[in-house]
Amino acid sequence: MLSGTGFALVVSPLVIVTLGHDAGLRTILVLSSVLNLSVLLRMPGEVRVTDALKLLIPAAVVIPPMIALSGQLRGATLNVIAGLAILAATAVTAAGRPLPFFVHRAGPIVAGGVSGTLNALAGASGPPVALYAMARQWPPAQMSATLQAFSLPLNLITLLAVGLPSSSAWGQMVWAAVGLVLGMAVSLPFVTSVPHLLVRRVTLLIAVIGGTTLLWTAFF
């Protein structure tokens, strides 16, 4: 999807439903970091360093208060917020239209701040910054590399803020990360053969199902 930003939209609600919000968020952040690094290593020369920092600073600033807020909300309420965040991000991504206000001076502050908020609540930071990059008309390679360079430190900052996983949880995450890398390796030969539109629609559909499932578990 948008420069790899669809991963968390798909995985986040399913993992949160399965493991619970806190453990699920930690797992998403670890797996997303692995994905960020694997993509970044393939195209380090395409990173727009200054732009990544402009997005990262406001995103990092909102992490502590959002983590503190989520710490006061438990169970059903937190699932509702995470579910709504996923559905909102999916809707914005589905629209796929550049937003004019992102080209203004405050654009990176808005995009980074919203991205940080989504990351703290649901581990899904990608859509706001992807739309920012679209509005700025970055070339595809630079867009993908820069968003990974932005997301990797943001995921690590969020992980530190929410608390590192326990030693037993790390063992499970290592196997999950190995599965992620193997899945990426297996899928690479099919990247050019599967229609982009089909992949986009299936990804968005899964994200909608996941976000709706979070809401469902909160009320039933």
C-alpha atoms as a PDB file:
ATOM      1  CA  MET A   1       0.000   0.000   0.000  1.00  0.00           C
ATOM      2  CA  LEU A   2       1.146   3.579   0.531  1.00  0.00           C
ATOM      3  CA  SER A   3       4.904   2.999   0.801  1.00  0.00           C
ATOM      4  CA  GLY A   4       4.430   0.082   3.140  1.00  0.00           C
ATOM      5  CA  THR A   5       2.153   1.947   5.517  1.00  0.00           C
ATOM      6  CA  GLY A   6      -0.601  -0.668   5.233  1.00  0.00           C
ATOM      7  CA  PHE A   7       1.175  -3.227   7.460  1.00  0.00           C
ATOM      8  CA  ALA A   8       0.116  -1.781  10.813  1.00  0.00           C
ATOM      9  CA  LEU A   9      -3.414  -1.028   9.605  1.00  0.00           C
ATOM     10  CA  VAL A  10      -3.890  -4.719   8.840  1.00  0.00           C
ATOM     11  CA  VAL A  11      -1.932  -6.252  11.723  1.00  0.00           C
ATOM     12  CA  SER A  12      -2.711  -3.836  14.566  1.00  0.00           C
ATOM     13  CA  PRO A  13      -6.393  -4.613  15.263  1.00  0.00           C
ATOM     14  CA  LEU A  14      -5.933  -8.371  14.886  1.00  0.00           C
ATOM     15  CA  VAL A  15      -2.964  -8.449  17.263  1.00  0.00           C
ATOM     16  CA  ILE A  16      -4.657  -6.162  19.808  1.00  0.00           C
ATOM     17  CA  VAL A  17      -7.779  -8.348  19.828  1.00  0.00           C
ATOM     18  CA  THR A  18      -5.655 -11.476  20.284  1.00  0.00           C
ATOM     19  CA  LEU A  19      -3.118 -10.253  22.865  1.00  0.00           C
ATOM     20  CA  GLY A  20      -4.850  -7.288  24.492  1.00  0.00           C
ATOM     21  CA  HIS A  21      -3.999  -3.628  23.945  1.00  0.00           C
ATOM     22  CA  ASP A  22      -0.682  -3.254  25.770  1.00  0.00           C
ATOM     23  CA  ALA A  23       0.908  -6.545  24.706  1.00  0.00           C
ATOM     24  CA  GLY A  24      -0.549  -6.137  21.228  1.00  0.00           C
ATOM     25  CA  LEU A  25       0.846  -2.620  20.850  1.00  0.00           C
ATOM     26  CA  ARG A  26       4.323  -3.765  21.911  1.00  0.00           C
ATOM     27  CA  THR A  27       4.211  -6.615  19.403  1.00  0.00           C
ATOM     28  CA  ILE A  28       3.108  -4.305  16.587  1.00  0.00           C
ATOM     29  CA  LEU A  29       5.863  -1.816  17.373  1.00  0.00           C
ATOM     30  CA  VAL A  30       8.549  -4.516  17.344  1.00  0.00           C
ATOM     31  CA  LEU A  31       7.332  -6.073  14.086  1.00  0.00           C
ATOM     32  CA  SER A  32       6.910  -2.668  12.446  1.00  0.00           C
ATOM     33  CA  SER A  33      10.475  -1.771  13.427  1.00  0.00           C
ATOM     34  CA  VAL A  34      11.753  -4.946  11.767  1.00  0.00           C
ATOM     35  CA  LEU A  35       9.821  -4.053   8.621  1.00  0.00           C
ATOM     36  CA  ASN A  36      11.060  -0.430   8.709  1.00  0.00           C
ATOM     37  CA  LEU A  37      14.672  -1.561   8.969  1.00  0.00           C
ATOM     38  CA  SER A  38      14.391  -4.180   6.229  1.00  0.00           C
ATOM     39  CA  VAL A  39      12.959  -1.645   3.767  1.00  0.00           C
ATOM     40  CA  LEU A  40      15.367   1.100   4.819  1.00  0.00           C
ATOM     41  CA  LEU A  41      18.434  -1.081   4.279  1.00  0.00           C
ATOM     42  CA  ARG A  42      17.454  -1.538   0.634  1.00  0.00           C
ATOM     43  CA  MET A  43      17.375   2.195  -0.147  1.00  0.00           C
ATOM     44  CA  PRO A  44      19.342   4.265   2.384  1.00  0.00           C
ATOM     45  CA  GLY A  45      20.391   6.791  -0.250  1.00  0.00           C
ATOM     46  CA  GLU A  46      16.776   7.798  -0.922  1.00  0.00           C
ATOM     47  CA  VAL A  47      16.061   9.136   2.587  1.00  0.00           C
ATOM     48  CA  ARG A  48      15.132  12.824   2.872  1.00  0.00           C
ATOM     49  CA  VAL A  49      16.784  13.250   6.267  1.00  0.00           C
ATOM     50  CA  THR A  50      15.608  16.805   6.973  1.00  0.00           C
ATOM     51  CA  ASP A  51      12.004  15.970   6.114  1.00  0.00           C
ATOM     52  CA  ALA A  52      12.098  12.835   8.264  1.00  0.00           C
ATOM     53  CA  LEU A  53      13.284  14.912  11.236  1.00  0.00           C
ATOM     54  CA  LYS A  54      10.605  17.557  10.652  1.00  0.00           C
ATOM     55  CA  LEU A  55       7.966  14.832  10.950  1.00  0.00           C
ATOM     56  CA  LEU A  56       9.638  12.909  13.763  1.00  0.00           C
ATOM     57  CA  ILE A  57      10.013  15.778  16.244  1.00  0.00           C
ATOM     58  CA  PRO A  58       6.279  16.634  16.590  1.00  0.00           C
ATOM     59  CA  ALA A  59       5.395  12.930  16.490  1.00  0.00           C
ATOM     60  CA  ALA A  60       7.795  12.175  19.335  1.00  0.00           C
ATOM     61  CA  VAL A  61       6.503  15.107  21.396  1.00  0.00           C
ATOM     62  CA  VAL A  62       2.940  13.761  21.522  1.00  0.00           C
ATOM     63  CA  ILE A  63       3.952  10.204  22.460  1.00  0.00           C
ATOM     64  CA  PRO A  64       4.347  10.665  26.256  1.00  0.00           C
ATOM     65  CA  PRO A  65       0.996  12.433  26.842  1.00  0.00           C
ATOM     66  CA  MET A  66      -0.849   9.983  24.593  1.00  0.00           C
ATOM     67  CA  ILE A  67       0.712   6.991  26.366  1.00  0.00           C
ATOM     68  CA  ALA A  68      -0.224   8.575  29.709  1.00  0.00           C
ATOM     69  CA  LEU A  69      -3.785   9.058  28.469  1.00  0.00           C
ATOM     70  CA  SER A  70      -4.064   5.485  27.227  1.00  0.00           C
ATOM     71  CA  GLY A  71      -2.747   4.322  30.611  1.00  0.00           C
ATOM     72  CA  GLN A  72      -5.840   5.828  32.226  1.00  0.00           C
ATOM     73  CA  LEU A  73      -8.146   3.986  29.833  1.00  0.00           C
ATOM     74  CA  ARG A  74      -8.551   0.257  30.048  1.00  0.00           C
ATOM     75  CA  GLY A  75     -10.446  -2.552  28.415  1.00  0.00           C
ATOM     76  CA  ALA A  76     -13.423  -1.626  26.287  1.00  0.00           C
ATOM     77  CA  THR A  77     -12.727   2.123  26.158  1.00  0.00           C
ATOM     78  CA  LEU A  78      -9.201   1.609  24.844  1.00  0.00           C
ATOM     79  CA  ASN A  79     -10.438  -0.870  22.231  1.00  0.00           C
ATOM     80  CA  VAL A  80     -13.033   1.660  21.064  1.00  0.00           C
ATOM     81  CA  ILE A  81     -10.393   4.376  20.679  1.00  0.00           C
ATOM     82  CA  ALA A  82      -7.972   2.044  18.892  1.00  0.00           C
ATOM     83  CA  GLY A  83     -10.749   0.734  16.622  1.00  0.00           C
ATOM     84  CA  LEU A  84     -11.917   4.227  15.687  1.00  0.00           C
ATOM     85  CA  ALA A  85      -8.304   5.287  15.055  1.00  0.00           C
ATOM     86  CA  ILE A  86      -7.784   2.337  12.696  1.00  0.00           C
ATOM     87  CA  LEU A  87     -11.044   2.992  10.833  1.00  0.00           C
ATOM     88  CA  ALA A  88     -10.291   6.720  10.516  1.00  0.00           C
ATOM     89  CA  ALA A  89      -6.779   6.037   9.220  1.00  0.00           C
ATOM     90  CA  THR A  90      -8.167   3.467   6.772  1.00  0.00           C
ATOM     91  CA  ALA A  91     -10.776   5.927   5.479  1.00  0.00           C
ATOM     92  CA  VAL A  92      -8.173   8.632   4.934  1.00  0.00           C
ATOM     93  CA  THR A  93      -5.877   6.154   3.200  1.00  0.00           C
ATOM     94  CA  ALA A  94      -8.724   4.892   0.996  1.00  0.00           C
ATOM     95  CA  ALA A  95      -9.462   8.450  -0.132  1.00  0.00           C
ATOM     96  CA  GLY A  96      -5.842   8.725  -1.237  1.00  0.00           C
ATOM     97  CA  ARG A  97      -6.151  12.392  -2.110  1.00  0.00           C
ATOM     98  CA  PRO A  98      -3.368  14.872  -1.355  1.00  0.00           C
ATOM     99  CA  LEU A  99      -4.450  17.322   1.345  1.00  0.00           C
ATOM    100  CA  PRO A 100      -3.532  20.917   0.389  1.00  0.00           C
ATOM    101  CA  PHE A 101      -2.824  22.128   3.932  1.00  0.00           C
ATOM    102  CA  PHE A 102       0.095  19.702   4.174  1.00  0.00           C
ATOM    103  CA  VAL A 103       2.112  21.902   1.819  1.00  0.00           C
ATOM    104  CA  HIS A 104       1.999  24.815   4.265  1.00  0.00           C
ATOM    105  CA  ARG A 105       4.666  25.477   6.898  1.00  0.00           C
ATOM    106  CA  ALA A 106       2.650  23.755   9.616  1.00  0.00           C
ATOM    107  CA  GLY A 107       2.173  20.647   7.442  1.00  0.00           C
ATOM    108  CA  PRO A 108       4.901  18.490   9.030  1.00  0.00           C
ATOM    109  CA  ILE A 109       3.763  19.480  12.524  1.00  0.00           C
ATOM    110  CA  VAL A 110       0.178  18.396  11.820  1.00  0.00           C
ATOM    111  CA  ALA A 111       1.169  15.211   9.979  1.00  0.00           C
ATOM    112  CA  GLY A 112       3.771  14.249  12.567  1.00  0.00           C
ATOM    113  CA  GLY A 113       1.496  15.012  15.524  1.00  0.00           C
ATOM    114  CA  VAL A 114      -1.407  12.970  14.178  1.00  0.00           C
ATOM    115  CA  SER A 115       0.966  10.174  13.231  1.00  0.00           C
ATOM    116  CA  GLY A 116       2.430  10.077  16.746  1.00  0.00           C
ATOM    117  CA  THR A 117      -1.055   9.976  18.233  1.00  0.00           C
ATOM    118  CA  LEU A 118      -2.084   7.034  16.054  1.00  0.00           C
ATOM    119  CA  ASN A 119       1.150   5.237  16.884  1.00  0.00           C
ATOM    120  CA  ALA A 120       0.600   5.581  20.624  1.00  0.00           C
ATOM    121  CA  LEU A 121      -3.007   4.392  20.401  1.00  0.00           C
ATOM    122  CA  ALA A 122      -2.825   1.670  17.773  1.00  0.00           C
ATOM    123  CA  GLY A 123       0.726   1.390  16.423  1.00  0.00           C
ATOM    124  CA  ALA A 124      -0.420   2.712  13.038  1.00  0.00           C
ATOM    125  CA  SER A 125       1.569   5.856  12.283  1.00  0.00           C
ATOM    126  CA  GLY A 126       1.728   5.590   8.500  1.00  0.00           C
ATOM    127  CA  PRO A 127      -1.355   7.168   6.870  1.00  0.00           C
ATOM    128  CA  PRO A 128      -0.918  10.840   7.956  1.00  0.00           C
ATOM    129  CA  VAL A 129       2.743  11.023   6.914  1.00  0.00           C
ATOM    130  CA  ALA A 130       2.055   9.120   3.680  1.00  0.00           C
ATOM    131  CA  LEU A 131      -0.576  11.714   2.757  1.00  0.00           C
ATOM    132  CA  TYR A 132       1.888  14.453   3.675  1.00  0.00           C
ATOM    133  CA  ALA A 133       4.463  12.932   1.322  1.00  0.00           C
ATOM    134  CA  MET A 134       1.854  12.702  -1.436  1.00  0.00           C
ATOM    135  CA  ALA A 135       0.921  16.351  -0.992  1.00  0.00           C
ATOM    136  CA  ARG A 136       4.620  17.286  -1.229  1.00  0.00           C
ATOM    137  CA  GLN A 137       4.921  15.119  -4.367  1.00  0.00           C
ATOM    138  CA  TRP A 138       7.925  13.123  -3.233  1.00  0.00           C
ATOM    139  CA  PRO A 139       9.181  10.531  -5.748  1.00  0.00           C
ATOM    140  CA  PRO A 140       8.026   7.002  -4.810  1.00  0.00           C
ATOM    141  CA  ALA A 141      11.480   5.728  -3.789  1.00  0.00           C
ATOM    142  CA  GLN A 142      12.144   8.773  -1.599  1.00  0.00           C
ATOM    143  CA  MET A 143       8.662   8.510  -0.107  1.00  0.00           C
ATOM    144  CA  SER A 144       9.120   4.875   0.880  1.00  0.00           C
ATOM    145  CA  ALA A 145      12.639   5.320   2.285  1.00  0.00           C
ATOM    146  CA  THR A 146      11.863   8.532   4.173  1.00  0.00           C
ATOM    147  CA  LEU A 147       8.724   7.143   5.796  1.00  0.00           C
ATOM    148  CA  GLN A 148      10.691   4.135   7.033  1.00  0.00           C
ATOM    149  CA  ALA A 149      13.414   6.461   8.374  1.00  0.00           C
ATOM    150  CA  PHE A 150      10.682   8.381  10.189  1.00  0.00           C
ATOM    151  CA  SER A 151       8.774   5.351  11.459  1.00  0.00           C
ATOM    152  CA  LEU A 152      11.723   3.337  12.782  1.00  0.00           C
ATOM    153  CA  PRO A 153      12.809   5.805  15.507  1.00  0.00           C
ATOM    154  CA  LEU A 154       9.176   6.684  16.231  1.00  0.00           C
ATOM    155  CA  ASN A 155       8.343   3.016  16.840  1.00  0.00           C
ATOM    156  CA  LEU A 156      11.340   2.652  19.135  1.00  0.00           C
ATOM    157  CA  ILE A 157      10.425   5.833  21.050  1.00  0.00           C
ATOM    158  CA  THR A 158       6.853   4.592  21.446  1.00  0.00           C
ATOM    159  CA  LEU A 159       8.078   1.180  22.580  1.00  0.00           C
ATOM    160  CA  LEU A 160      10.261   2.786  25.265  1.00  0.00           C
ATOM    161  CA  ALA A 161       7.358   4.987  26.365  1.00  0.00           C
ATOM    162  CA  VAL A 162       4.865   2.132  26.655  1.00  0.00           C
ATOM    163  CA  GLY A 163       7.431  -0.164  28.268  1.00  0.00           C
ATOM    164  CA  LEU A 164       9.667  -2.892  26.882  1.00  0.00           C
ATOM    165  CA  PRO A 165       8.232  -6.415  26.575  1.00  0.00           C
ATOM    166  CA  SER A 166       8.983  -8.997  29.242  1.00  0.00           C
ATOM    167  CA  SER A 167      11.714 -11.562  28.638  1.00  0.00           C
ATOM    168  CA  SER A 168       9.137 -14.242  27.838  1.00  0.00           C
ATOM    169  CA  ALA A 169       7.351 -11.954  25.383  1.00  0.00           C
ATOM    170  CA  TRP A 170      10.619 -11.226  23.569  1.00  0.00           C
ATOM    171  CA  GLY A 171      10.939 -14.905  22.697  1.00  0.00           C
ATOM    172  CA  GLN A 172       7.536 -14.912  21.021  1.00  0.00           C
ATOM    173  CA  MET A 173       8.300 -11.675  19.197  1.00  0.00           C
ATOM    174  CA  VAL A 174      11.550 -13.054  17.796  1.00  0.00           C
ATOM    175  CA  TRP A 175       9.641 -15.886  16.164  1.00  0.00           C
ATOM    176  CA  ALA A 176       7.019 -13.440  14.909  1.00  0.00           C
ATOM    177  CA  ALA A 177       9.785 -11.278  13.423  1.00  0.00           C
ATOM    178  CA  VAL A 178      11.335 -14.332  11.743  1.00  0.00           C
ATOM    179  CA  GLY A 179       7.934 -15.145  10.254  1.00  0.00           C
ATOM    180  CA  LEU A 180       7.592 -11.566   9.036  1.00  0.00           C
ATOM    181  CA  VAL A 181      10.972 -11.650   7.291  1.00  0.00           C
ATOM    182  CA  LEU A 182      10.235 -15.054   5.730  1.00  0.00           C
ATOM    183  CA  GLY A 183       6.838 -13.823   4.567  1.00  0.00           C
ATOM    184  CA  MET A 184       8.451 -10.794   2.936  1.00  0.00           C
ATOM    185  CA  ALA A 185      11.001 -13.027   1.199  1.00  0.00           C
ATOM    186  CA  VAL A 186       8.311 -15.376  -0.122  1.00  0.00           C
ATOM    187  CA  SER A 187       6.146 -12.495  -1.362  1.00  0.00           C
ATOM    188  CA  LEU A 188       8.878 -10.617  -3.248  1.00  0.00           C
ATOM    189  CA  PRO A 189       8.587 -12.664  -6.494  1.00  0.00           C
ATOM    190  CA  PHE A 190       4.861 -11.826  -6.637  1.00  0.00           C
ATOM    191  CA  VAL A 191       5.164  -8.084  -6.055  1.00  0.00           C
ATOM    192  CA  THR A 192       5.027  -7.192  -9.750  1.00  0.00           C
ATOM    193  CA  SER A 193       2.544  -9.899 -10.768  1.00  0.00           C
ATOM    194  CA  VAL A 194      -0.323  -9.080  -8.398  1.00  0.00           C
ATOM    195  CA  PRO A 195      -2.327  -5.995  -9.472  1.00  0.00           C
ATOM    196  CA  HIS A 196      -1.652  -3.034  -7.178  1.00  0.00           C
ATOM    197  CA  LEU A 197      -5.350  -2.108  -7.079  1.00  0.00           C
ATOM    198  CA  LEU A 198      -6.303  -5.596  -5.887  1.00  0.00           C
ATOM    199  CA  VAL A 199      -3.667  -5.524  -3.134  1.00  0.00           C
ATOM    200  CA  ARG A 200      -4.830  -2.084  -2.049  1.00  0.00           C
ATOM    201  CA  ARG A 201      -8.498  -3.112  -1.866  1.00  0.00           C
ATOM    202  CA  VAL A 202      -7.798  -6.336   0.026  1.00  0.00           C
ATOM    203  CA  THR A 203      -5.519  -4.493   2.472  1.00  0.00           C
ATOM    204  CA  LEU A 204      -8.127  -1.820   3.156  1.00  0.00           C
ATOM    205  CA  LEU A 205     -10.852  -4.445   3.547  1.00  0.00           C
ATOM    206  CA  ILE A 206      -8.818  -6.372   6.124  1.00  0.00           C
ATOM    207  CA  ALA A 207      -8.086  -3.127   7.969  1.00  0.00           C
ATOM    208  CA  VAL A 208     -11.812  -2.281   8.092  1.00  0.00           C
ATOM    209  CA  ILE A 209     -12.626  -5.771   9.374  1.00  0.00           C
ATOM    210  CA  GLY A 210      -9.924  -5.458  12.010  1.00  0.00           C
ATOM    211  CA  GLY A 211     -11.035  -2.031  13.202  1.00  0.00           C
ATOM    212  CA  THR A 212     -14.657  -3.161  13.311  1.00  0.00           C
ATOM    213  CA  THR A 213     -13.645  -6.258  15.275  1.00  0.00           C
ATOM    214  CA  LEU A 214     -12.014  -4.053  17.896  1.00  0.00           C
ATOM    215  CA  LEU A 215     -15.259  -2.099  18.259  1.00  0.00           C
ATOM    216  CA  TRP A 216     -17.265  -5.326  18.401  1.00  0.00           C
ATOM    217  CA  THR A 217     -15.136  -6.766  21.218  1.00  0.00           C
ATOM    218  CA  ALA A 218     -15.570  -3.535  23.158  1.00  0.00           C
ATOM    219  CA  PHE A 219     -19.367  -3.775  23.212  1.00  0.00           C
ATOM    220  CA  PHE A 220     -20.106  -7.494  23.031  1.00  0.00           C
END
